[in-house]
């Protein structure tokens, strides 16, 4: 039986030989299933080859993807939903990124509430605060964040958090305005911050940054996360793991992140696949009557 671990040896071998990152032979059985809990498949960087990207993902064992529905901000908030309607292996979130908070109107919030009722919308996000770029005024970011926390609570969906150089304000607002579950997307904090997020009932999602040489503080955080709070993601097309750092990221590359995360935690890659998939299903799928797509034909 071919496992995700042996698939990664083949995939990395292709890279060394100068081939695109995908295996070129048939396996007797598919690699173990992984879920990419955060990617941006509506990004224009995939406009020319999305079907090929999804084929490579399936070959790497990534058979379910959560496409983040923030796009370019209001008024167009349904781009990920349209992808989810088109592809069975893609699910969606809806939300307004903090970069776009200044674009929000009452109609934007009404549109989000309506989209949240879609059967394949699994979370509200990514939402939060970004004080690095300040593309929207900080006070506006905070107000829009609170509005979306209320919306998520009203519709009964988990949240996906973006926080950059705004940890204290993000945690303060969550502590005051949020009581439900959620995901700390692309967690890049230290062990102390990981414990803060865990105390607020969050799952922590680790992406390609965990493979970077300078990311020891993130790896230390990844070591302490309980099995039942661990997720994995790409944030594709951003933050590709080594050995593809600097190139366009895609879900297939997450298999390398899984391999590194397994090393950090002292377990097998297949164990990482099992627990992160189960966690995603428990957090995001249990309240939705949606198909658990595996990419494997039932023969009918």
Protein backbone atom coordinates (compact mmCIF):
# COMPACT_ATOMS: atom_id res chain seq x y z
CA UNK A 1 0.00 0.00 0.00
CA UNK A 2 1.31 3.44 -0.91
CA UNK A 3 1.23 5.91 1.95
CA UNK A 4 1.53 9.68 1.91
CA UNK A 5 5.11 9.29 3.17
CA UNK A 6 6.20 7.22 0.16
CA UNK A 7 4.28 9.52 -2.18
CA UNK A 8 6.33 12.47 -0.91
CA UNK A 9 9.56 10.65 -1.73
CA UNK A 10 8.30 10.25 -5.29
CA UNK A 11 7.08 13.84 -5.48
CA UNK A 12 10.36 15.29 -4.22
CA UNK A 13 12.24 13.02 -6.60
CA UNK A 14 10.32 14.54 -9.50
CA UNK A 15 11.40 17.99 -8.36
CA UNK A 16 15.05 16.98 -8.19
CA UNK A 17 14.81 15.59 -11.71
CA UNK A 18 13.38 18.84 -12.99
CA UNK A 19 9.81 17.65 -13.50
CA UNK A 20 6.68 19.43 -12.29
CA UNK A 21 5.67 18.50 -8.71
CA UNK A 22 3.48 15.49 -9.47
CA UNK A 23 4.01 11.76 -9.72
CA UNK A 24 3.95 10.35 -13.25
CA UNK A 25 2.94 6.78 -12.55
CA UNK A 26 -0.11 4.97 -11.25
CA UNK A 27 -0.30 3.70 -7.70
CA UNK A 28 -2.12 0.55 -6.63
CA UNK A 29 -3.97 2.63 -4.02
CA UNK A 30 -4.28 6.39 -3.46
CA UNK A 31 -2.20 8.28 -0.89
CA UNK A 32 -3.80 8.90 2.53
CA UNK A 33 -6.36 11.72 2.45
CA UNK A 34 -5.46 15.24 3.58
CA UNK A 35 -7.63 18.36 3.84
CA UNK A 36 -6.26 21.78 2.92
CA UNK A 37 -8.09 23.91 5.47
CA UNK A 38 -7.18 27.25 3.87
CA UNK A 39 -6.44 28.15 0.25
CA UNK A 40 -7.44 30.85 -2.23
CA UNK A 41 -8.40 28.92 -5.32
CA UNK A 42 -10.27 31.89 -6.80
CA UNK A 43 -6.97 33.76 -7.11
CA UNK A 44 -6.18 34.90 -10.67
CA UNK A 45 -2.90 32.95 -10.47
CA UNK A 46 -4.98 29.79 -11.02
CA UNK A 47 -7.11 31.12 -13.84
CA UNK A 48 -5.23 29.27 -16.55
CA UNK A 49 -4.73 25.86 -14.93
CA UNK A 50 -7.08 25.27 -11.99
CA UNK A 51 -8.13 21.84 -13.22
CA UNK A 52 -4.49 20.76 -13.40
CA UNK A 53 -3.88 22.18 -9.90
CA UNK A 54 -6.76 20.07 -8.59
CA UNK A 55 -5.44 16.99 -10.38
CA UNK A 56 -2.06 17.45 -8.73
CA UNK A 57 -3.75 17.91 -5.37
CA UNK A 58 -5.61 14.63 -5.77
CA UNK A 59 -2.39 12.86 -6.77
CA UNK A 60 -0.74 14.17 -3.59
CA UNK A 61 -3.59 12.92 -1.40
CA UNK A 62 -5.27 16.31 -0.89
CA UNK A 63 -8.84 15.49 -1.73
CA UNK A 64 -10.70 18.25 0.11
CA UNK A 65 -9.97 21.99 0.06
CA UNK A 66 -11.52 24.93 1.87
CA UNK A 67 -11.39 27.93 -0.48
CA UNK A 68 -11.44 31.23 1.38
CA UNK A 69 -14.15 33.52 0.11
CA UNK A 70 -12.78 36.98 0.78
CA UNK A 71 -11.62 37.62 -2.80
CA UNK A 72 -11.04 41.30 -3.46
CA UNK A 73 -13.62 42.31 -0.91
CA UNK A 74 -17.12 43.75 -1.27
CA UNK A 75 -19.26 43.85 -3.26
CA UNK A 76 -18.17 40.52 -4.80
CA UNK A 77 -18.26 38.03 -1.94
CA UNK A 78 -19.30 34.78 -3.63
CA UNK A 79 -16.23 33.76 -5.63
CA UNK A 80 -15.37 30.78 -3.44
CA UNK A 81 -19.01 29.71 -3.33
CA UNK A 82 -19.09 29.59 -7.12
CA UNK A 83 -16.03 27.31 -7.08
CA UNK A 84 -17.64 25.09 -4.47
CA UNK A 85 -20.69 24.75 -6.71
CA UNK A 86 -18.47 23.70 -9.59
CA UNK A 87 -16.13 21.21 -7.88
CA UNK A 88 -17.23 18.55 -5.36
CA UNK A 89 -13.89 18.57 -3.52
CA UNK A 90 -13.98 22.32 -2.85
CA UNK A 91 -15.82 23.90 0.07
CA UNK A 92 -16.03 27.62 0.85
CA UNK A 93 -15.94 30.30 3.47
CA UNK A 94 -17.41 33.78 3.19
CA UNK A 95 -16.14 36.90 4.87
CA UNK A 96 -14.40 40.25 4.55
CA UNK A 97 -10.63 40.32 5.03
CA UNK A 98 -9.36 43.14 7.28
CA UNK A 99 -7.62 44.67 4.26
CA UNK A 100 -11.09 45.32 2.78
CA UNK A 101 -12.89 46.44 5.93
CA UNK A 102 -13.29 50.00 4.64
CA UNK A 103 -15.38 48.68 1.73
CA UNK A 104 -18.05 47.16 3.98
CA UNK A 105 -21.59 48.51 3.84
CA UNK A 106 -24.80 47.26 5.49
CA UNK A 107 -25.53 45.51 2.17
CA UNK A 108 -22.20 43.66 2.42
CA UNK A 109 -23.23 42.20 5.77
CA UNK A 110 -26.64 41.24 4.40
CA UNK A 111 -24.94 39.50 1.48
CA UNK A 112 -22.63 37.59 3.82
CA UNK A 113 -25.57 36.45 5.92
CA UNK A 114 -27.36 35.15 2.83
CA UNK A 115 -24.25 33.38 1.51
CA UNK A 116 -23.66 31.78 4.91
CA UNK A 117 -26.77 29.71 4.33
CA UNK A 118 -25.21 27.93 1.35
CA UNK A 119 -24.80 24.21 1.99
CA UNK A 120 -21.06 24.22 1.22
CA UNK A 121 -20.15 27.34 3.20
CA UNK A 122 -18.42 25.95 6.27
CA UNK A 123 -17.10 29.03 8.10
CA UNK A 124 -16.95 32.83 8.25
CA UNK A 125 -13.53 34.09 7.26
CA UNK A 126 -10.91 34.97 6.96
CA UNK A 127 -11.67 37.81 9.34
CA UNK A 128 -9.63 39.66 11.93
CA UNK A 129 -7.05 42.44 12.11
CA UNK A 130 -3.99 43.34 10.04
CA UNK A 131 -1.83 46.16 11.43
CA UNK A 132 1.10 45.40 9.11
CA UNK A 133 -0.33 46.98 5.98
CA UNK A 134 -3.18 49.06 7.46
CA UNK A 135 -5.03 49.00 4.14
CA UNK A 136 -8.14 49.85 6.18
CA UNK A 137 -8.09 52.13 9.24
CA UNK A 138 -7.59 50.15 12.43
CA UNK A 139 -10.79 51.33 14.07
CA UNK A 140 -12.76 50.32 10.97
CA UNK A 141 -11.05 46.92 11.02
CA UNK A 142 -12.08 46.40 14.63
CA UNK A 143 -15.70 47.38 14.01
CA UNK A 144 -16.04 45.15 10.94
CA UNK A 145 -14.39 42.30 12.85
CA UNK A 146 -16.98 42.63 15.63
CA UNK A 147 -19.83 42.74 13.10
CA UNK A 148 -18.61 39.52 11.49
CA UNK A 149 -18.16 37.81 14.85
CA UNK A 150 -21.81 38.60 15.58
CA UNK A 151 -22.85 37.32 12.17
CA UNK A 152 -20.95 34.05 12.68
CA UNK A 153 -22.57 33.61 16.07
CA UNK A 154 -26.01 34.27 14.60
CA UNK A 155 -25.60 31.71 11.80
CA UNK A 156 -23.81 29.13 13.94
CA UNK A 157 -20.61 28.80 11.91
CA UNK A 158 -16.98 28.67 13.09
CA UNK A 159 -14.62 31.50 12.21
CA UNK A 160 -11.27 31.66 10.41
CA UNK A 161 -8.94 34.26 11.92
CA UNK A 162 -6.33 36.41 10.19
CA UNK A 163 -4.12 38.35 12.59
CA UNK A 164 -0.89 40.11 11.69
CA UNK A 165 0.97 42.40 14.08
CA UNK A 166 -2.33 42.72 15.97
CA UNK A 167 -2.28 39.77 18.35
CA UNK A 168 -3.29 41.58 21.55
CA UNK A 169 -6.23 43.42 19.97
CA UNK A 170 -7.35 40.28 18.14
CA UNK A 171 -7.35 38.20 21.32
CA UNK A 172 -9.07 40.94 23.31
CA UNK A 173 -11.92 41.20 20.79
CA UNK A 174 -12.28 37.43 20.59
CA UNK A 175 -12.36 37.18 24.37
CA UNK A 176 -15.11 39.78 24.57
CA UNK A 177 -17.21 38.95 21.50
CA UNK A 178 -16.71 35.27 20.63
CA UNK A 179 -17.62 32.08 22.47
CA UNK A 180 -17.57 29.52 19.66
CA UNK A 181 -14.94 27.46 17.82
CA UNK A 182 -12.61 28.67 15.13
CA UNK A 183 -9.31 28.37 13.29
CA UNK A 184 -6.17 30.44 13.76
CA UNK A 185 -5.17 30.49 10.11
CA UNK A 186 -1.49 30.14 9.19
CA UNK A 187 -0.42 30.22 12.82
CA UNK A 188 2.99 31.86 13.14
CA UNK A 189 3.04 32.66 16.84
CA UNK A 190 5.06 31.13 19.64
CA UNK A 191 4.09 28.50 22.20
CA UNK A 192 2.68 31.07 24.63
CA UNK A 193 0.41 32.52 21.95
CA UNK A 194 -0.62 29.02 20.92
CA UNK A 195 -1.76 28.36 24.49
CA UNK A 196 -3.75 31.62 24.46
CA UNK A 197 -5.56 30.56 21.30
CA UNK A 198 -6.18 27.05 22.62
CA UNK A 199 -7.67 28.51 25.79
CA UNK A 200 -10.21 30.34 23.59
CA UNK A 201 -11.26 27.05 21.94
CA UNK A 202 -9.37 27.56 18.67
CA UNK A 203 -7.79 25.07 16.34
CA UNK A 204 -4.33 26.02 15.05
CA UNK A 205 -3.58 25.58 11.36
CA UNK A 206 0.04 25.30 10.26
CA UNK A 207 1.20 26.03 6.72
CA UNK A 208 4.38 26.08 4.68
CA UNK A 209 6.11 28.52 7.02
CA UNK A 210 6.75 25.60 9.39
CA UNK A 211 9.30 24.31 6.85
CA UNK A 212 11.36 27.53 6.87
CA UNK A 213 14.76 27.42 8.60
CA UNK A 214 13.95 30.47 10.74
CA UNK A 215 10.62 29.11 12.02
CA UNK A 216 11.76 27.25 15.15
CA UNK A 217 9.33 29.22 17.36
CA UNK A 218 6.47 28.07 15.12
CA UNK A 219 7.69 24.48 15.25
CA UNK A 220 7.81 24.70 19.04
CA UNK A 221 4.17 25.88 19.01
CA UNK A 222 3.26 22.99 16.71
CA UNK A 223 4.75 20.51 19.20
CA UNK A 224 2.41 21.54 22.01
CA UNK A 225 -0.92 21.62 20.14
CA UNK A 226 -3.15 18.73 21.23
CA UNK A 227 -3.99 16.22 18.52
CA UNK A 228 -7.63 17.28 18.49
CA UNK A 229 -6.81 20.97 17.78
CA UNK A 230 -4.37 20.53 14.91
CA UNK A 231 -5.04 21.54 11.29
CA UNK A 232 -2.91 21.93 8.19
CA UNK A 233 -3.19 24.37 5.27
CA UNK A 234 -1.39 25.96 2.35
CA UNK A 235 -2.69 29.56 2.14
CA UNK A 236 -2.08 28.95 -1.57
CA UNK A 237 -1.02 30.70 -3.75
CA UNK A 238 1.06 32.25 -0.93
CA UNK A 239 3.76 30.87 1.40
CA UNK A 240 4.89 27.77 -0.47
CA UNK A 241 6.91 25.37 1.67
CA UNK A 242 10.51 24.48 1.04
CA UNK A 243 11.56 23.30 -1.59
CA UNK A 244 9.10 25.52 -3.51
CA UNK A 245 9.51 28.66 -1.41
CA UNK A 246 9.10 31.76 -3.57
CA UNK A 247 7.04 29.97 -6.20
CA UNK A 248 3.27 29.87 -6.60
CA UNK A 249 1.93 27.65 -3.84
CA UNK A 250 -0.76 25.05 -4.51
CA UNK A 251 -2.58 22.39 -2.46
CA UNK A 252 -0.35 19.53 -3.70
CA UNK A 253 2.60 21.10 -1.89
CA UNK A 254 0.86 20.61 1.46
CA UNK A 255 2.10 17.03 1.48
CA UNK A 256 5.58 18.42 2.22
CA UNK A 257 4.19 20.54 5.04
CA UNK A 258 2.56 17.40 6.45
CA UNK A 259 5.89 15.59 6.30
CA UNK A 260 7.65 18.39 8.22
CA UNK A 261 4.84 18.64 10.76
CA UNK A 262 5.07 14.91 11.34
CA UNK A 263 8.82 15.27 11.98
CA UNK A 264 8.21 18.07 14.47
CA UNK A 265 5.61 16.08 16.39
CA UNK A 266 7.43 12.75 16.21
CA UNK A 267 4.65 10.88 14.42
CA UNK A 268 4.03 9.45 10.97
CA UNK A 269 2.77 11.51 8.06
CA UNK A 270 -0.28 9.28 7.89
CA UNK A 271 -1.02 10.12 11.53
CA UNK A 272 -0.94 13.82 10.62
CA UNK A 273 -3.30 13.11 7.72
CA UNK A 274 -5.70 11.20 9.94
CA UNK A 275 -5.94 13.63 12.81
CA UNK A 276 -6.08 16.84 10.75
CA UNK A 277 -8.76 15.39 8.48
CA UNK A 278 -10.81 14.21 11.45
CA UNK A 279 -10.45 17.60 13.12
CA UNK A 280 -11.59 19.44 10.01
CA UNK A 281 -14.61 17.18 9.66
CA UNK A 282 -15.56 17.60 13.31
CA UNK A 283 -15.14 21.37 13.27
CA UNK A 284 -16.50 22.28 9.86
CA UNK A 285 -18.64 19.46 8.47
CA UNK A 286 -20.66 18.15 11.40
CA UNK A 287 -23.24 20.96 11.24
CA UNK A 288 -23.66 20.76 7.45
CA UNK A 289 -25.44 18.14 5.40
CA UNK A 290 -22.66 17.93 2.84
CA UNK A 291 -20.96 15.12 0.98
CA UNK A 292 -17.71 13.90 2.53
CA UNK A 293 -15.91 13.90 -0.81
CA UNK A 294 -12.90 11.54 -0.89
CA UNK A 295 -12.05 11.60 -4.57
CA UNK A 296 -12.48 7.83 -4.74
CA UNK A 297 -15.09 6.39 -7.08
CA UNK A 298 -17.70 4.07 -5.60
CA UNK A 299 -17.77 2.15 -8.88
CA UNK A 300 -21.26 3.26 -9.92
